[in-house]
Amino acid sequence: MTNVFQGAQVRLRAVEVADWEVHYDWNFDSDNGRFTDEVWFPSSREQVRAWAEREAQSEGQGDAFCFQIERLDGTLVGTINTHGCNPRCGTFRYGLAIRPEHRRQGYASEAIRLVLRYYFDERRYQKVNAEVYSFNEPSMRLHERLGFTLEGRLRRVVYTQGQFFDALIYGMTREEFDSQVWRPSDSR
């Protein structure tokens, strides 16, 4: 039996109510907030639990979905959320976050490849874009290593730690993805 949502190291799954505790703890990581969106006001345990309960019942909005990245042993290591899905044009975007203690172990690259394979092969999308903030050098290197092309730069659109930063737009077409020699067992 094959599972399009599972690779050699991780599987993608929906949010479970029990995930709320991991996300609550993760909300205290200001660097993660900066890398993925912004540093938000603190959330209460009840707010995060309610979010997990809503997400656990959600079927997604259109093709947008909040995937949880878990190791094959069941440890939650991150999230990858698709958004901006436009089936008419065949384009989508995603945002990715890996918990600090699980970074640089190949989980992000495998999760990205699993999402791309699913959206290209099963949902008929033809192009993906990812926005990376200019201070997030590990994410820039990751996307370049995966074969994404830097397609543009939006100057001074992100504000954090008292400074303005650029947003870099990376893209990959289905043909570019297909030209890579990658199978689900490849993790890095």
N, C-alpha and C. Protein backbone atom coordinates (compact mmCIF):
# COMPACT_ATOMS: atom_id res chain seq x y z
N MET A 1 0.85 -1.18 0.00
CA MET A 1 0.00 0.00 0.00
C MET A 1 0.89 1.24 0.00
N THR A 2 0.60 2.17 -0.90
CA THR A 2 1.35 3.42 -0.94
C THR A 2 0.51 4.54 -0.34
N ASN A 3 1.20 5.54 0.17
CA ASN A 3 0.55 6.71 0.75
C ASN A 3 1.26 7.93 0.17
N VAL A 4 0.55 8.74 -0.63
CA VAL A 4 1.18 9.90 -1.27
C VAL A 4 1.61 10.94 -0.24
N PHE A 5 1.14 10.83 0.98
CA PHE A 5 1.48 11.79 2.02
C PHE A 5 2.62 11.32 2.92
N GLN A 6 3.29 10.24 2.53
CA GLN A 6 4.37 9.71 3.37
C GLN A 6 5.65 9.55 2.57
N GLY A 7 6.75 9.99 3.16
CA GLY A 7 8.07 9.82 2.59
C GLY A 7 8.89 8.89 3.46
N ALA A 8 10.20 8.98 3.31
CA ALA A 8 11.11 8.13 4.07
C ALA A 8 11.20 8.53 5.54
N GLN A 9 11.00 9.83 5.82
CA GLN A 9 11.15 10.33 7.20
C GLN A 9 9.89 10.88 7.82
N VAL A 10 9.01 11.46 6.98
CA VAL A 10 7.83 12.14 7.52
C VAL A 10 6.57 11.76 6.76
N ARG A 11 5.46 12.04 7.42
CA ARG A 11 4.16 11.95 6.76
C ARG A 11 3.43 13.27 7.01
N LEU A 12 2.55 13.60 6.09
CA LEU A 12 1.70 14.77 6.23
C LEU A 12 0.33 14.29 6.67
N ARG A 13 -0.25 15.00 7.62
CA ARG A 13 -1.57 14.62 8.12
C ARG A 13 -2.33 15.87 8.50
N ALA A 14 -3.61 15.69 8.82
CA ALA A 14 -4.45 16.79 9.27
C ALA A 14 -4.13 17.11 10.73
N VAL A 15 -4.62 18.26 11.17
CA VAL A 15 -4.48 18.66 12.57
C VAL A 15 -5.35 17.74 13.42
N GLU A 16 -4.80 17.30 14.53
CA GLU A 16 -5.54 16.55 15.55
C GLU A 16 -5.72 17.47 16.76
N VAL A 17 -6.79 17.28 17.49
CA VAL A 17 -7.04 18.12 18.67
C VAL A 17 -5.85 18.07 19.63
N ALA A 18 -5.24 16.90 19.78
CA ALA A 18 -4.12 16.75 20.72
C ALA A 18 -2.90 17.59 20.32
N ASP A 19 -2.86 18.09 19.10
CA ASP A 19 -1.72 18.92 18.66
C ASP A 19 -1.68 20.27 19.34
N TRP A 20 -2.75 20.66 20.01
CA TRP A 20 -2.82 22.01 20.55
C TRP A 20 -1.67 22.31 21.50
N GLU A 21 -1.24 21.35 22.29
CA GLU A 21 -0.18 21.61 23.27
C GLU A 21 1.15 21.94 22.59
N VAL A 22 1.47 21.23 21.52
CA VAL A 22 2.71 21.51 20.78
C VAL A 22 2.64 22.91 20.18
N HIS A 23 1.49 23.25 19.58
CA HIS A 23 1.34 24.57 18.97
C HIS A 23 1.35 25.67 20.03
N TYR A 24 0.78 25.41 21.18
CA TYR A 24 0.80 26.40 22.26
C TYR A 24 2.24 26.69 22.67
N ASP A 25 3.04 25.65 22.90
CA ASP A 25 4.45 25.85 23.26
C ASP A 25 5.21 26.55 22.14
N TRP A 26 4.89 26.19 20.91
CA TRP A 26 5.57 26.74 19.75
C TRP A 26 5.29 28.23 19.60
N ASN A 27 4.14 28.68 20.07
CA ASN A 27 3.79 30.10 19.98
C ASN A 27 4.74 31.00 20.75
N PHE A 28 5.54 30.44 21.65
CA PHE A 28 6.50 31.24 22.41
C PHE A 28 7.83 31.42 21.66
N ASP A 29 7.94 30.85 20.48
CA ASP A 29 9.15 30.96 19.67
C ASP A 29 9.02 32.17 18.75
N SER A 30 9.57 33.31 19.17
CA SER A 30 9.45 34.54 18.39
C SER A 30 10.15 34.43 17.04
N ASP A 31 11.27 33.70 16.97
CA ASP A 31 11.95 33.53 15.68
C ASP A 31 11.04 32.83 14.68
N ASN A 32 10.33 31.81 15.12
CA ASN A 32 9.40 31.13 14.22
C ASN A 32 8.33 32.10 13.73
N GLY A 33 7.82 32.93 14.62
CA GLY A 33 6.84 33.93 14.21
C GLY A 33 7.39 34.86 13.15
N ARG A 34 8.62 35.31 13.34
CA ARG A 34 9.24 36.20 12.35
C ARG A 34 9.44 35.50 11.01
N PHE A 35 9.91 34.26 11.04
CA PHE A 35 10.19 33.53 9.81
C PHE A 35 8.93 33.24 9.01
N THR A 36 7.80 33.01 9.70
CA THR A 36 6.61 32.55 8.99
C THR A 36 5.57 33.64 8.75
N ASP A 37 5.52 34.63 9.58
CA ASP A 37 4.51 35.67 9.42
C ASP A 37 4.91 36.91 10.20
N GLU A 38 4.62 36.90 11.49
CA GLU A 38 5.02 38.00 12.37
C GLU A 38 4.91 37.51 13.81
N VAL A 39 5.44 38.28 14.72
CA VAL A 39 5.32 37.96 16.13
C VAL A 39 3.97 38.49 16.59
N TRP A 40 3.08 37.57 16.92
CA TRP A 40 1.72 37.91 17.32
C TRP A 40 1.64 38.07 18.83
N PHE A 41 0.54 38.67 19.30
CA PHE A 41 0.27 38.72 20.72
C PHE A 41 0.18 37.30 21.26
N PRO A 42 0.46 37.08 22.54
CA PRO A 42 0.36 35.74 23.10
C PRO A 42 -1.06 35.18 22.99
N SER A 43 -1.15 33.87 22.80
CA SER A 43 -2.44 33.16 22.76
C SER A 43 -2.61 32.38 24.05
N SER A 44 -3.83 32.31 24.52
CA SER A 44 -4.10 31.51 25.71
C SER A 44 -4.19 30.03 25.33
N ARG A 45 -4.08 29.18 26.33
CA ARG A 45 -4.24 27.75 26.10
C ARG A 45 -5.61 27.47 25.47
N GLU A 46 -6.64 28.16 25.96
CA GLU A 46 -8.00 27.95 25.44
C GLU A 46 -8.10 28.36 23.98
N GLN A 47 -7.46 29.46 23.60
CA GLN A 47 -7.49 29.89 22.20
C GLN A 47 -6.84 28.85 21.29
N VAL A 48 -5.69 28.35 21.71
CA VAL A 48 -4.97 27.37 20.87
C VAL A 48 -5.74 26.05 20.83
N ARG A 49 -6.30 25.64 21.95
CA ARG A 49 -7.11 24.41 21.97
C ARG A 49 -8.32 24.57 21.04
N ALA A 50 -8.99 25.72 21.09
CA ALA A 50 -10.15 25.97 20.22
C ALA A 50 -9.73 25.96 18.76
N TRP A 51 -8.56 26.55 18.45
CA TRP A 51 -8.05 26.51 17.07
C TRP A 51 -7.86 25.07 16.62
N ALA A 52 -7.22 24.25 17.45
CA ALA A 52 -6.98 22.85 17.09
C ALA A 52 -8.29 22.11 16.89
N GLU A 53 -9.28 22.38 17.74
CA GLU A 53 -10.58 21.73 17.59
C GLU A 53 -11.24 22.12 16.27
N ARG A 54 -11.16 23.41 15.90
CA ARG A 54 -11.73 23.85 14.61
C ARG A 54 -10.99 23.21 13.45
N GLU A 55 -9.65 23.24 13.49
CA GLU A 55 -8.86 22.68 12.39
C GLU A 55 -9.06 21.17 12.25
N ALA A 56 -9.22 20.48 13.37
CA ALA A 56 -9.43 19.03 13.33
C ALA A 56 -10.74 18.68 12.63
N GLN A 57 -11.70 19.60 12.62
CA GLN A 57 -12.98 19.38 11.95
C GLN A 57 -13.00 19.94 10.52
N SER A 58 -11.99 20.72 10.17
CA SER A 58 -11.95 21.40 8.88
C SER A 58 -11.58 20.45 7.76
N GLU A 59 -12.22 20.65 6.64
CA GLU A 59 -11.86 19.90 5.43
C GLU A 59 -11.03 20.77 4.50
N GLY A 60 -10.61 21.92 4.98
CA GLY A 60 -9.85 22.85 4.15
C GLY A 60 -10.79 23.79 3.43
N GLN A 61 -10.24 24.85 2.92
CA GLN A 61 -10.99 25.82 2.13
C GLN A 61 -10.55 25.68 0.68
N GLY A 62 -11.40 25.15 -0.17
CA GLY A 62 -10.97 24.88 -1.53
C GLY A 62 -9.84 23.87 -1.47
N ASP A 63 -8.72 24.20 -2.03
CA ASP A 63 -7.55 23.31 -1.97
C ASP A 63 -6.55 23.75 -0.92
N ALA A 64 -6.87 24.79 -0.16
CA ALA A 64 -5.98 25.23 0.93
C ALA A 64 -6.13 24.26 2.09
N PHE A 65 -4.99 23.86 2.67
CA PHE A 65 -5.04 22.86 3.73
C PHE A 65 -3.89 23.08 4.70
N CYS A 66 -4.16 22.81 5.96
CA CYS A 66 -3.16 22.93 7.03
C CYS A 66 -2.61 21.53 7.34
N PHE A 67 -1.49 21.19 6.71
CA PHE A 67 -0.86 19.89 6.93
C PHE A 67 0.04 19.95 8.16
N GLN A 68 0.01 18.89 8.95
CA GLN A 68 0.96 18.73 10.04
C GLN A 68 2.06 17.80 9.53
N ILE A 69 3.30 18.10 9.85
CA ILE A 69 4.43 17.26 9.45
C ILE A 69 4.83 16.46 10.67
N GLU A 70 4.71 15.14 10.56
CA GLU A 70 5.14 14.32 11.68
C GLU A 70 6.13 13.27 11.21
N ARG A 71 7.09 12.98 12.09
CA ARG A 71 8.02 11.89 11.81
C ARG A 71 7.23 10.59 11.79
N LEU A 72 7.82 9.55 11.23
CA LEU A 72 7.12 8.28 11.15
C LEU A 72 6.86 7.67 12.52
N ASP A 73 7.59 8.14 13.55
CA ASP A 73 7.33 7.66 14.92
C ASP A 73 6.20 8.44 15.60
N GLY A 74 5.56 9.38 14.88
CA GLY A 74 4.43 10.13 15.41
C GLY A 74 4.78 11.46 16.03
N THR A 75 6.05 11.85 16.07
CA THR A 75 6.46 13.13 16.65
C THR A 75 6.12 14.27 15.69
N LEU A 76 5.36 15.26 16.17
CA LEU A 76 5.01 16.42 15.37
C LEU A 76 6.23 17.33 15.25
N VAL A 77 6.69 17.58 14.02
CA VAL A 77 7.91 18.37 13.83
C VAL A 77 7.65 19.71 13.14
N GLY A 78 6.47 19.90 12.55
CA GLY A 78 6.22 21.16 11.87
C GLY A 78 4.89 21.19 11.15
N THR A 79 4.72 22.23 10.34
CA THR A 79 3.51 22.41 9.55
C THR A 79 3.88 22.90 8.15
N ILE A 80 3.04 22.58 7.20
CA ILE A 80 3.14 23.15 5.86
C ILE A 80 1.71 23.40 5.40
N ASN A 81 1.41 24.66 5.17
CA ASN A 81 0.04 25.07 4.87
C ASN A 81 -0.04 25.63 3.47
N THR A 82 -0.93 25.07 2.67
CA THR A 82 -1.14 25.59 1.32
C THR A 82 -2.19 26.69 1.37
N HIS A 83 -2.03 27.68 0.52
CA HIS A 83 -2.96 28.81 0.47
C HIS A 83 -2.83 29.48 -0.88
N GLY A 84 -3.68 30.44 -1.14
CA GLY A 84 -3.64 31.13 -2.43
C GLY A 84 -3.86 30.18 -3.59
N CYS A 85 -4.62 29.13 -3.36
CA CYS A 85 -4.83 28.11 -4.39
C CYS A 85 -5.80 28.63 -5.45
N ASN A 86 -5.36 28.60 -6.70
CA ASN A 86 -6.17 29.07 -7.81
C ASN A 86 -6.27 27.95 -8.84
N PRO A 87 -7.29 27.10 -8.74
CA PRO A 87 -7.40 25.97 -9.67
C PRO A 87 -7.53 26.40 -11.13
N ARG A 88 -8.15 27.54 -11.39
CA ARG A 88 -8.31 28.00 -12.78
C ARG A 88 -6.95 28.25 -13.43
N CYS A 89 -6.06 28.89 -12.70
CA CYS A 89 -4.72 29.18 -13.23
C CYS A 89 -3.72 28.08 -12.89
N GLY A 90 -4.08 27.22 -11.95
CA GLY A 90 -3.19 26.12 -11.58
C GLY A 90 -2.02 26.55 -10.72
N THR A 91 -2.22 27.56 -9.89
CA THR A 91 -1.13 28.05 -9.05
C THR A 91 -1.53 27.96 -7.57
N PHE A 92 -0.52 27.78 -6.73
CA PHE A 92 -0.75 27.77 -5.29
C PHE A 92 0.51 28.23 -4.58
N ARG A 93 0.37 28.50 -3.30
CA ARG A 93 1.50 28.90 -2.46
C ARG A 93 1.47 28.04 -1.21
N TYR A 94 2.53 28.11 -0.47
CA TYR A 94 2.56 27.42 0.82
C TYR A 94 3.43 28.17 1.79
N GLY A 95 3.21 27.89 3.07
CA GLY A 95 4.06 28.38 4.14
C GLY A 95 4.50 27.18 4.95
N LEU A 96 5.71 27.23 5.45
CA LEU A 96 6.32 26.08 6.12
C LEU A 96 6.96 26.53 7.42
N ALA A 97 6.86 25.68 8.43
CA ALA A 97 7.57 25.94 9.69
C ALA A 97 7.96 24.60 10.30
N ILE A 98 9.21 24.52 10.74
CA ILE A 98 9.71 23.34 11.43
C ILE A 98 10.11 23.78 12.83
N ARG A 99 9.72 23.00 13.83
CA ARG A 99 10.07 23.32 15.21
C ARG A 99 11.59 23.35 15.36
N PRO A 100 12.13 24.28 16.15
CA PRO A 100 13.58 24.50 16.21
C PRO A 100 14.40 23.23 16.46
N GLU A 101 13.96 22.38 17.35
CA GLU A 101 14.75 21.19 17.68
C GLU A 101 14.73 20.14 16.58
N HIS A 102 13.94 20.37 15.51
CA HIS A 102 13.86 19.39 14.42
C HIS A 102 14.38 19.94 13.09
N ARG A 103 14.98 21.12 13.12
CA ARG A 103 15.48 21.72 11.89
C ARG A 103 16.77 21.04 11.43
N ARG A 104 17.01 21.17 10.12
CA ARG A 104 18.22 20.67 9.46
C ARG A 104 18.36 19.14 9.56
N GLN A 105 17.22 18.47 9.47
CA GLN A 105 17.22 17.01 9.48
C GLN A 105 16.54 16.44 8.24
N GLY A 106 16.24 17.30 7.27
CA GLY A 106 15.62 16.85 6.03
C GLY A 106 14.10 16.82 6.04
N TYR A 107 13.48 17.18 7.16
CA TYR A 107 12.02 17.11 7.25
C TYR A 107 11.35 18.15 6.35
N ALA A 108 11.88 19.36 6.31
CA ALA A 108 11.27 20.42 5.50
C ALA A 108 11.33 20.07 4.02
N SER A 109 12.49 19.64 3.55
CA SER A 109 12.60 19.34 2.11
C SER A 109 11.69 18.18 1.72
N GLU A 110 11.59 17.17 2.57
CA GLU A 110 10.70 16.06 2.23
C GLU A 110 9.24 16.50 2.26
N ALA A 111 8.85 17.30 3.24
CA ALA A 111 7.47 17.77 3.31
C ALA A 111 7.12 18.62 2.09
N ILE A 112 8.02 19.50 1.67
CA ILE A 112 7.77 20.31 0.48
C ILE A 112 7.59 19.41 -0.74
N ARG A 113 8.46 18.45 -0.91
CA ARG A 113 8.35 17.54 -2.06
C ARG A 113 7.04 16.74 -2.03
N LEU A 114 6.62 16.31 -0.85
CA LEU A 114 5.35 15.58 -0.76
C LEU A 114 4.17 16.47 -1.16
N VAL A 115 4.17 17.72 -0.69
CA VAL A 115 3.10 18.65 -1.06
C VAL A 115 3.13 18.92 -2.56
N LEU A 116 4.32 19.16 -3.12
CA LEU A 116 4.40 19.44 -4.55
C LEU A 116 3.93 18.24 -5.37
N ARG A 117 4.36 17.07 -4.98
CA ARG A 117 3.93 15.86 -5.71
C ARG A 117 2.41 15.73 -5.66
N TYR A 118 1.81 15.96 -4.50
CA TYR A 118 0.36 15.84 -4.38
C TYR A 118 -0.35 16.90 -5.23
N TYR A 119 0.05 18.16 -5.12
CA TYR A 119 -0.65 19.22 -5.85
C TYR A 119 -0.41 19.13 -7.36
N PHE A 120 0.77 18.71 -7.77
CA PHE A 120 1.03 18.57 -9.21
C PHE A 120 0.40 17.30 -9.79
N ASP A 121 0.54 16.19 -9.10
CA ASP A 121 0.09 14.90 -9.65
C ASP A 121 -1.37 14.58 -9.37
N GLU A 122 -1.93 15.09 -8.28
CA GLU A 122 -3.29 14.72 -7.91
C GLU A 122 -4.30 15.86 -8.03
N ARG A 123 -3.86 17.11 -7.89
CA ARG A 123 -4.78 18.25 -7.89
C ARG A 123 -4.70 19.06 -9.19
N ARG A 124 -3.81 18.69 -10.11
CA ARG A 124 -3.66 19.32 -11.43
C ARG A 124 -3.11 20.75 -11.39
N TYR A 125 -2.35 21.09 -10.37
CA TYR A 125 -1.70 22.40 -10.34
C TYR A 125 -0.45 22.35 -11.19
N GLN A 126 -0.02 23.52 -11.67
CA GLN A 126 1.13 23.57 -12.57
C GLN A 126 2.24 24.50 -12.11
N LYS A 127 2.01 25.23 -11.00
CA LYS A 127 3.03 26.20 -10.55
C LYS A 127 2.84 26.45 -9.06
N VAL A 128 3.96 26.55 -8.35
CA VAL A 128 3.95 26.86 -6.93
C VAL A 128 4.86 28.06 -6.68
N ASN A 129 4.47 28.89 -5.73
CA ASN A 129 5.30 30.01 -5.29
C ASN A 129 5.45 29.95 -3.78
N ALA A 130 6.61 30.35 -3.31
CA ALA A 130 6.87 30.43 -1.88
C ALA A 130 7.51 31.78 -1.59
N GLU A 131 7.04 32.44 -0.55
CA GLU A 131 7.58 33.74 -0.14
C GLU A 131 8.52 33.52 1.04
N VAL A 132 9.73 34.03 0.91
CA VAL A 132 10.74 33.89 1.95
C VAL A 132 11.24 35.28 2.32
N TYR A 133 11.30 35.58 3.60
CA TYR A 133 11.80 36.88 4.02
C TYR A 133 13.31 36.93 3.89
N SER A 134 13.83 38.09 3.52
CA SER A 134 15.25 38.21 3.19
C SER A 134 16.18 37.95 4.35
N PHE A 135 15.70 37.95 5.58
CA PHE A 135 16.56 37.63 6.72
C PHE A 135 16.58 36.14 7.02
N ASN A 136 15.77 35.35 6.31
CA ASN A 136 15.66 33.92 6.57
C ASN A 136 16.56 33.14 5.60
N GLU A 137 17.85 33.24 5.83
CA GLU A 137 18.82 32.61 4.93
C GLU A 137 18.68 31.09 4.85
N PRO A 138 18.38 30.39 5.95
CA PRO A 138 18.20 28.93 5.81
C PRO A 138 17.07 28.56 4.84
N SER A 139 15.97 29.32 4.85
CA SER A 139 14.87 29.03 3.93
C SER A 139 15.24 29.38 2.50
N MET A 140 16.01 30.44 2.31
CA MET A 140 16.47 30.78 0.96
C MET A 140 17.32 29.64 0.41
N ARG A 141 18.27 29.15 1.21
CA ARG A 141 19.14 28.05 0.77
C ARG A 141 18.33 26.78 0.50
N LEU A 142 17.35 26.49 1.36
CA LEU A 142 16.51 25.31 1.17
C LEU A 142 15.79 25.36 -0.18
N HIS A 143 15.14 26.46 -0.48
CA HIS A 143 14.40 26.56 -1.73
C HIS A 143 15.32 26.51 -2.95
N GLU A 144 16.46 27.13 -2.85
CA GLU A 144 17.42 27.06 -3.97
C GLU A 144 17.94 25.64 -4.15
N ARG A 145 18.21 24.96 -3.05
CA ARG A 145 18.70 23.57 -3.12
C ARG A 145 17.63 22.65 -3.73
N LEU A 146 16.35 22.95 -3.48
CA LEU A 146 15.26 22.14 -4.02
C LEU A 146 14.96 22.45 -5.49
N GLY A 147 15.64 23.44 -6.05
CA GLY A 147 15.46 23.75 -7.47
C GLY A 147 14.49 24.87 -7.76
N PHE A 148 14.07 25.61 -6.75
CA PHE A 148 13.20 26.77 -6.97
C PHE A 148 14.01 27.88 -7.62
N THR A 149 13.33 28.72 -8.38
CA THR A 149 13.94 29.88 -9.03
C THR A 149 13.51 31.13 -8.28
N LEU A 150 14.47 32.00 -7.97
CA LEU A 150 14.15 33.29 -7.39
C LEU A 150 13.53 34.14 -8.50
N GLU A 151 12.25 34.46 -8.38
CA GLU A 151 11.52 35.14 -9.45
C GLU A 151 11.30 36.62 -9.18
N GLY A 152 11.43 37.03 -7.94
CA GLY A 152 11.19 38.43 -7.66
C GLY A 152 11.50 38.81 -6.23
N ARG A 153 11.50 40.10 -6.01
CA ARG A 153 11.80 40.67 -4.69
C ARG A 153 10.84 41.84 -4.47
N LEU A 154 10.10 41.76 -3.37
CA LEU A 154 9.27 42.87 -2.95
C LEU A 154 10.04 43.60 -1.86
N ARG A 155 10.42 44.83 -2.14
CA ARG A 155 11.30 45.55 -1.24
C ARG A 155 10.56 46.11 -0.04
N ARG A 156 11.18 45.95 1.14
CA ARG A 156 10.76 46.58 2.39
C ARG A 156 9.28 46.36 2.69
N VAL A 157 8.82 45.11 2.66
CA VAL A 157 7.41 44.82 2.93
C VAL A 157 7.21 44.05 4.24
N VAL A 158 8.30 43.71 4.90
CA VAL A 158 8.23 42.97 6.16
C VAL A 158 8.92 43.82 7.23
N TYR A 159 8.26 43.98 8.37
CA TYR A 159 8.85 44.76 9.45
C TYR A 159 8.98 43.88 10.69
N THR A 160 10.18 43.77 11.22
CA THR A 160 10.41 43.03 12.45
C THR A 160 11.72 43.48 13.08
N GLN A 161 11.82 43.40 14.36
CA GLN A 161 13.00 43.78 15.12
C GLN A 161 13.49 45.18 14.77
N GLY A 162 12.54 46.09 14.52
CA GLY A 162 12.88 47.48 14.25
C GLY A 162 13.43 47.77 12.87
N GLN A 163 13.29 46.82 11.93
CA GLN A 163 13.83 47.01 10.59
C GLN A 163 12.83 46.54 9.53
N PHE A 164 12.98 47.06 8.33
CA PHE A 164 12.22 46.60 7.18
C PHE A 164 13.07 45.60 6.39
N PHE A 165 12.41 44.58 5.86
CA PHE A 165 13.09 43.55 5.08
C PHE A 165 12.30 43.30 3.79
N ASP A 166 12.98 42.67 2.85
CA ASP A 166 12.36 42.31 1.58
C ASP A 166 11.70 40.93 1.68
N ALA A 167 10.72 40.71 0.80
CA ALA A 167 10.13 39.38 0.62
C ALA A 167 10.62 38.86 -0.72
N LEU A 168 11.19 37.67 -0.71
CA LEU A 168 11.70 37.04 -1.93
C LEU A 168 10.67 36.02 -2.40
N ILE A 169 10.38 36.04 -3.69
CA ILE A 169 9.39 35.13 -4.26
C ILE A 169 10.13 34.06 -5.06
N TYR A 170 9.98 32.82 -4.60
CA TYR A 170 10.56 31.66 -5.28
C TYR A 170 9.45 30.91 -5.99
N GLY A 171 9.75 30.34 -7.14
CA GLY A 171 8.74 29.60 -7.88
C GLY A 171 9.30 28.32 -8.50
N MET A 172 8.39 27.39 -8.77
CA MET A 172 8.74 26.16 -9.46
C MET A 172 7.53 25.70 -10.26
N THR A 173 7.77 25.30 -11.50
CA THR A 173 6.70 24.75 -12.33
C THR A 173 6.66 23.23 -12.17
N ARG A 174 5.57 22.66 -12.62
CA ARG A 174 5.45 21.21 -12.58
C ARG A 174 6.56 20.55 -13.40
N GLU A 175 6.87 21.11 -14.56
CA GLU A 175 7.91 20.53 -15.41
C GLU A 175 9.27 20.57 -14.72
N GLU A 176 9.55 21.66 -14.01
CA GLU A 176 10.81 21.74 -13.27
C GLU A 176 10.84 20.69 -12.16
N PHE A 177 9.73 20.51 -11.49
CA PHE A 177 9.65 19.48 -10.45
C PHE A 177 9.83 18.09 -11.05
N ASP A 178 9.13 17.84 -12.16
CA ASP A 178 9.21 16.52 -12.82
C ASP A 178 10.62 16.21 -13.32
N SER A 179 11.38 17.24 -13.67
CA SER A 179 12.72 17.01 -14.20
C SER A 179 13.71 16.57 -13.12
N GLN A 180 13.34 16.75 -11.87
CA GLN A 180 14.21 16.33 -10.78
C GLN A 180 14.08 14.83 -10.58
N VAL A 181 15.16 14.22 -10.26
CA VAL A 181 15.14 12.80 -9.97
C VAL A 181 14.89 12.67 -8.47
N TRP A 182 13.61 12.62 -8.10
CA TRP A 182 13.25 12.49 -6.69
C TRP A 182 12.16 11.47 -6.54
N ARG A 183 12.34 10.63 -5.60
CA ARG A 183 11.34 9.64 -5.22
C ARG A 183 11.05 9.83 -3.74
N PRO A 184 9.89 9.36 -3.26
CA PRO A 184 9.54 9.59 -1.86
C PRO A 184 10.61 9.10 -0.88
N SER A 185 11.45 8.16 -1.27
CA SER A 185 12.47 7.68 -0.34
C SER A 185 13.64 8.65 -0.21
N ASP A 186 13.74 9.64 -1.13
CA ASP A 186 14.80 10.64 -1.03
C ASP A 186 14.38 11.66 0.01
N SER A 187 15.22 11.89 1.01
CA SER A 187 14.80 12.79 2.08
C SER A 187 15.52 14.14 2.07
N ARG A 188 16.65 14.25 1.42
CA ARG A 188 17.37 15.53 1.51
C ARG A 188 17.72 16.08 0.16
